[in-house]
Amino acid sequence: MSTQTELVIGVDFITLPASDLETSARFYGELLGLERSAVWQREGQPPLGMEFETGTVTIALVDPVALGNQLTPHKQPIALRVPDVQAARERLEAQGIAFFGETIDTGVCHMTSFTDPDGNVLMLHRRYAPKE
C-alpha cells in the first residue's frame, strides 16, 4: 500500500447522452428498475438531465443537444451487476430488448450486451468466481 495521500478514491457517476429524457427515464426507471434520484432543470425550462442509482455508481443521463453538443452514444459497455444474467436477460427480452449474440461465460463471469434507446451500450454482468 502506498504511503502517499490517495488521489482517486472512487467513481461517483458516469454520464450518458440521452436525446429524449422521458424515453430514457422510462427505460432506466421502469424497464431496468433503477431509482431516479435527481432531475437537472433550469426554472421554466425542460430537463437537461437526470440521475439514476445503481447501488454503486450513479448513471447521469444528459441531453447533449440542450448543452450545445452532439449526441454521441457511449460504445464501450457499462457493466450492470445483476444476480442472474440469464434471468435478467429473459426478463428484458420479454420487454422487447434485443441483445448482441448469446450470453458469454468467461470462466469467471457471465455477461451479455444490449443498448439503451440512444445506442449507449450496456451489459448485464455477474462475476461468479472469487477475485484472486
C-alpha atoms as a PDB file:
ATOM      1  CA  MET A   1       0.000   0.000   0.000  1.00  0.00           C
ATOM      2  CA  SER A   2       1.203   3.475  -0.877  1.00  0.00           C
ATOM      3  CA  THR A   3       2.096   5.936   1.859  1.00  0.00           C
ATOM      4  CA  GLN A   4       1.079   8.839  -0.367  1.00  0.00           C
ATOM      5  CA  THR A   5      -2.279  10.510   0.082  1.00  0.00           C
ATOM      6  CA  GLU A   6      -4.877   8.868  -2.133  1.00  0.00           C
ATOM      7  CA  LEU A   7      -5.829  10.897  -5.161  1.00  0.00           C
ATOM      8  CA  VAL A   8      -8.816   8.992  -6.552  1.00  0.00           C
ATOM      9  CA  ILE A   9     -10.922   7.060  -4.068  1.00  0.00           C
ATOM     10  CA  GLY A  10     -13.925   6.007  -6.175  1.00  0.00           C
ATOM     11  CA  VAL A  11     -16.323   6.748  -9.012  1.00  0.00           C
ATOM     12  CA  ASP A  12     -19.344   8.890  -8.167  1.00  0.00           C
ATOM     13  CA  PHE A  13     -21.170   8.928 -11.511  1.00  0.00           C
ATOM     14  CA  ILE A  14     -20.927   8.254 -15.220  1.00  0.00           C
ATOM     15  CA  THR A  15     -22.616  10.403 -17.848  1.00  0.00           C
ATOM     16  CA  LEU A  16     -24.546   9.016 -20.807  1.00  0.00           C
ATOM     17  CA  PRO A  17     -26.155  11.038 -23.588  1.00  0.00           C
ATOM     18  CA  ALA A  18     -29.935  10.919 -23.974  1.00  0.00           C
ATOM     19  CA  SER A  19     -31.851  12.533 -26.833  1.00  0.00           C
ATOM     20  CA  ASP A  20     -35.262  12.123 -25.175  1.00  0.00           C
ATOM     21  CA  LEU A  21     -35.073  12.214 -21.397  1.00  0.00           C
ATOM     22  CA  GLU A  22     -38.626  10.970 -20.857  1.00  0.00           C
ATOM     23  CA  THR A  23     -37.985   7.886 -23.025  1.00  0.00           C
ATOM     24  CA  SER A  24     -34.698   7.328 -21.196  1.00  0.00           C
ATOM     25  CA  ALA A  25     -36.411   7.804 -17.832  1.00  0.00           C
ATOM     26  CA  ARG A  26     -38.875   5.025 -18.694  1.00  0.00           C
ATOM     27  CA  PHE A  27     -36.044   2.765 -19.899  1.00  0.00           C
ATOM     28  CA  TYR A  28     -33.763   3.218 -16.875  1.00  0.00           C
ATOM     29  CA  GLY A  29     -36.513   3.643 -14.285  1.00  0.00           C
ATOM     30  CA  GLU A  30     -39.298   1.297 -15.357  1.00  0.00           C
ATOM     31  CA  LEU A  31     -37.520  -1.276 -17.523  1.00  0.00           C
ATOM     32  CA  LEU A  32     -34.222  -1.574 -15.622  1.00  0.00           C
ATOM     33  CA  GLY A  33     -35.805  -0.741 -12.259  1.00  0.00           C
ATOM     34  CA  LEU A  34     -33.314   1.957 -11.244  1.00  0.00           C
ATOM     35  CA  GLU A  35     -34.350   4.703  -8.825  1.00  0.00           C
ATOM     36  CA  ARG A  36     -34.364   8.227 -10.253  1.00  0.00           C
ATOM     37  CA  SER A  37     -32.628  10.382  -7.666  1.00  0.00           C
ATOM     38  CA  ALA A  38     -32.400  13.798  -9.344  1.00  0.00           C
ATOM     39  CA  VAL A  39     -33.572  15.883 -12.285  1.00  0.00           C
ATOM     40  CA  TRP A  40     -31.409  18.745 -13.562  1.00  0.00           C
ATOM     41  CA  GLN A  41     -33.664  21.551 -14.704  1.00  0.00           C
ATOM     42  CA  ARG A  42     -33.497  25.317 -15.009  1.00  0.00           C
ATOM     43  CA  GLU A  43     -36.633  27.130 -13.917  1.00  0.00           C
ATOM     44  CA  GLY A  44     -39.185  27.225 -16.746  1.00  0.00           C
ATOM     45  CA  GLN A  45     -37.028  25.016 -18.993  1.00  0.00           C
ATOM     46  CA  PRO A  46     -37.235  21.330 -19.955  1.00  0.00           C
ATOM     47  CA  PRO A  47     -34.928  18.989 -18.030  1.00  0.00           C
ATOM     48  CA  LEU A  48     -31.248  18.928 -19.059  1.00  0.00           C
ATOM     49  CA  GLY A  49     -30.533  15.647 -17.320  1.00  0.00           C
ATOM     50  CA  MET A  50     -31.427  13.200 -14.602  1.00  0.00           C
ATOM     51  CA  GLU A  51     -29.709  10.696 -12.342  1.00  0.00           C
ATOM     52  CA  PHE A  52     -30.429   7.024 -11.680  1.00  0.00           C
ATOM     53  CA  GLU A  53     -28.923   4.977  -8.857  1.00  0.00           C
ATOM     54  CA  THR A  54     -27.362   1.542  -9.434  1.00  0.00           C
ATOM     55  CA  GLY A  55     -26.317   0.970  -5.828  1.00  0.00           C
ATOM     56  CA  THR A  56     -22.650   1.652  -6.570  1.00  0.00           C
ATOM     57  CA  VAL A  57     -22.401   4.305  -9.305  1.00  0.00           C
ATOM     58  CA  THR A  58     -24.922   6.922 -10.391  1.00  0.00           C
ATOM     59  CA  ILE A  59     -25.877   6.989 -14.080  1.00  0.00           C
ATOM     60  CA  ALA A  60     -26.345  10.619 -15.126  1.00  0.00           C
ATOM     61  CA  LEU A  61     -28.342  10.988 -18.337  1.00  0.00           C
ATOM     62  CA  VAL A  62     -27.747  14.309 -20.073  1.00  0.00           C
ATOM     63  CA  ASP A  63     -29.311  15.873 -23.165  1.00  0.00           C
ATOM     64  CA  PRO A  64     -26.121  16.873 -25.038  1.00  0.00           C
ATOM     65  CA  VAL A  65     -28.015  18.882 -27.668  1.00  0.00           C
ATOM     66  CA  ALA A  66     -29.535  21.114 -24.962  1.00  0.00           C
ATOM     67  CA  LEU A  67     -25.968  21.777 -23.817  1.00  0.00           C
ATOM     68  CA  GLY A  68     -24.757  22.623 -27.329  1.00  0.00           C
ATOM     69  CA  ASN A  69     -23.135  19.275 -28.120  1.00  0.00           C
ATOM     70  CA  GLN A  70     -23.857  16.369 -30.461  1.00  0.00           C
ATOM     71  CA  LEU A  71     -25.331  13.106 -29.300  1.00  0.00           C
ATOM     72  CA  THR A  72     -22.565  10.501 -29.496  1.00  0.00           C
ATOM     73  CA  PRO A  73     -23.586   7.170 -27.929  1.00  0.00           C
ATOM     74  CA  HIS A  74     -21.222   5.524 -25.459  1.00  0.00           C
ATOM     75  CA  LYS A  75     -19.936   2.434 -27.315  1.00  0.00           C
ATOM     76  CA  GLN A  76     -17.978   0.639 -24.571  1.00  0.00           C
ATOM     77  CA  PRO A  77     -20.306  -1.418 -22.373  1.00  0.00           C
ATOM     78  CA  ILE A  78     -21.224  -0.259 -18.920  1.00  0.00           C
ATOM     79  CA  ALA A  79     -21.495  -3.429 -16.833  1.00  0.00           C
ATOM     80  CA  LEU A  80     -24.623  -3.529 -14.691  1.00  0.00           C
ATOM     81  CA  ARG A  81     -24.320  -6.088 -11.899  1.00  0.00           C
ATOM     82  CA  VAL A  82     -27.279  -8.464 -11.700  1.00  0.00           C
ATOM     83  CA  PRO A  83     -27.881 -11.535  -9.508  1.00  0.00           C
ATOM     84  CA  ASP A  84     -28.537 -13.799 -12.513  1.00  0.00           C
ATOM     85  CA  VAL A  85     -27.576 -12.741 -16.049  1.00  0.00           C
ATOM     86  CA  GLN A  86     -29.784 -15.244 -17.860  1.00  0.00           C
ATOM     87  CA  ALA A  87     -32.871 -14.442 -15.769  1.00  0.00           C
ATOM     88  CA  ALA A  88     -32.329 -10.698 -16.230  1.00  0.00           C
ATOM     89  CA  ARG A  89     -31.793 -11.173 -19.962  1.00  0.00           C
ATOM     90  CA  GLU A  90     -35.007 -13.172 -20.318  1.00  0.00           C
ATOM     91  CA  ARG A  91     -36.946 -10.525 -18.399  1.00  0.00           C
ATOM     92  CA  LEU A  92     -35.623  -7.745 -20.658  1.00  0.00           C
ATOM     93  CA  GLU A  93     -36.134  -9.781 -23.840  1.00  0.00           C
ATOM     94  CA  ALA A  94     -39.771 -10.224 -22.814  1.00  0.00           C
ATOM     95  CA  GLN A  95     -39.964  -6.414 -22.769  1.00  0.00           C
ATOM     96  CA  GLY A  96     -38.581  -6.191 -26.326  1.00  0.00           C
ATOM     97  CA  ILE A  97     -34.894  -5.588 -25.633  1.00  0.00           C
ATOM     98  CA  ALA A  98     -32.569  -7.137 -28.242  1.00  0.00           C
ATOM     99  CA  PHE A  99     -29.173  -8.467 -27.155  1.00  0.00           C
ATOM    100  CA  PHE A 100     -25.920  -8.841 -29.102  1.00  0.00           C
ATOM    101  CA  GLY A 101     -25.427 -12.583 -29.541  1.00  0.00           C
ATOM    102  CA  GLU A 102     -25.507 -15.163 -26.790  1.00  0.00           C
ATOM    103  CA  THR A 103     -24.664 -14.778 -23.112  1.00  0.00           C
ATOM    104  CA  ILE A 104     -20.912 -15.244 -22.617  1.00  0.00           C
ATOM    105  CA  ASP A 105     -19.373 -17.385 -19.867  1.00  0.00           C
ATOM    106  CA  THR A 106     -15.731 -16.310 -19.463  1.00  0.00           C
ATOM    107  CA  GLY A 107     -14.914 -18.866 -16.782  1.00  0.00           C
ATOM    108  CA  VAL A 108     -15.081 -16.029 -14.243  1.00  0.00           C
ATOM    109  CA  CYS A 109     -18.327 -14.243 -15.078  1.00  0.00           C
ATOM    110  CA  HIS A 110     -21.452 -14.256 -17.236  1.00  0.00           C
ATOM    111  CA  MET A 111     -22.206 -11.243 -19.434  1.00  0.00           C
ATOM    112  CA  THR A 112     -24.428 -10.120 -22.289  1.00  0.00           C
ATOM    113  CA  SER A 113     -24.783  -6.726 -24.000  1.00  0.00           C
ATOM    114  CA  PHE A 114     -27.621  -4.568 -25.331  1.00  0.00           C
ATOM    115  CA  THR A 115     -28.285  -0.863 -25.912  1.00  0.00           C
ATOM    116  CA  ASP A 116     -30.489   1.800 -24.406  1.00  0.00           C
ATOM    117  CA  PRO A 117     -32.821   3.859 -26.668  1.00  0.00           C
ATOM    118  CA  ASP A 118     -29.933   6.137 -27.732  1.00  0.00           C
ATOM    119  CA  GLY A 119     -27.481   3.361 -28.578  1.00  0.00           C
ATOM    120  CA  ASN A 120     -25.428   3.546 -25.362  1.00  0.00           C
ATOM    121  CA  VAL A 121     -24.033   0.044 -24.831  1.00  0.00           C
ATOM    122  CA  LEU A 122     -24.952  -1.645 -21.553  1.00  0.00           C
ATOM    123  CA  MET A 123     -24.051  -5.077 -20.234  1.00  0.00           C
ATOM    124  CA  LEU A 124     -25.684  -7.424 -17.758  1.00  0.00           C
ATOM    125  CA  HIS A 125     -22.826  -8.845 -15.691  1.00  0.00           C
ATOM    126  CA  ARG A 126     -22.335 -11.274 -12.836  1.00  0.00           C
ATOM    127  CA  ARG A 127     -18.961 -12.407 -11.550  1.00  0.00           C
ATOM    128  CA  TYR A 128     -19.266 -15.910 -10.061  1.00  0.00           C
ATOM    129  CA  ALA A 129     -15.603 -16.710  -9.390  1.00  0.00           C
ATOM    130  CA  PRO A 130     -13.811 -15.062  -6.486  1.00  0.00           C
ATOM    131  CA  LYS A 131     -11.212 -12.390  -7.246  1.00  0.00           C
ATOM    132  CA  GLU A 132      -7.707 -13.664  -6.703  1.00  0.00           C
END
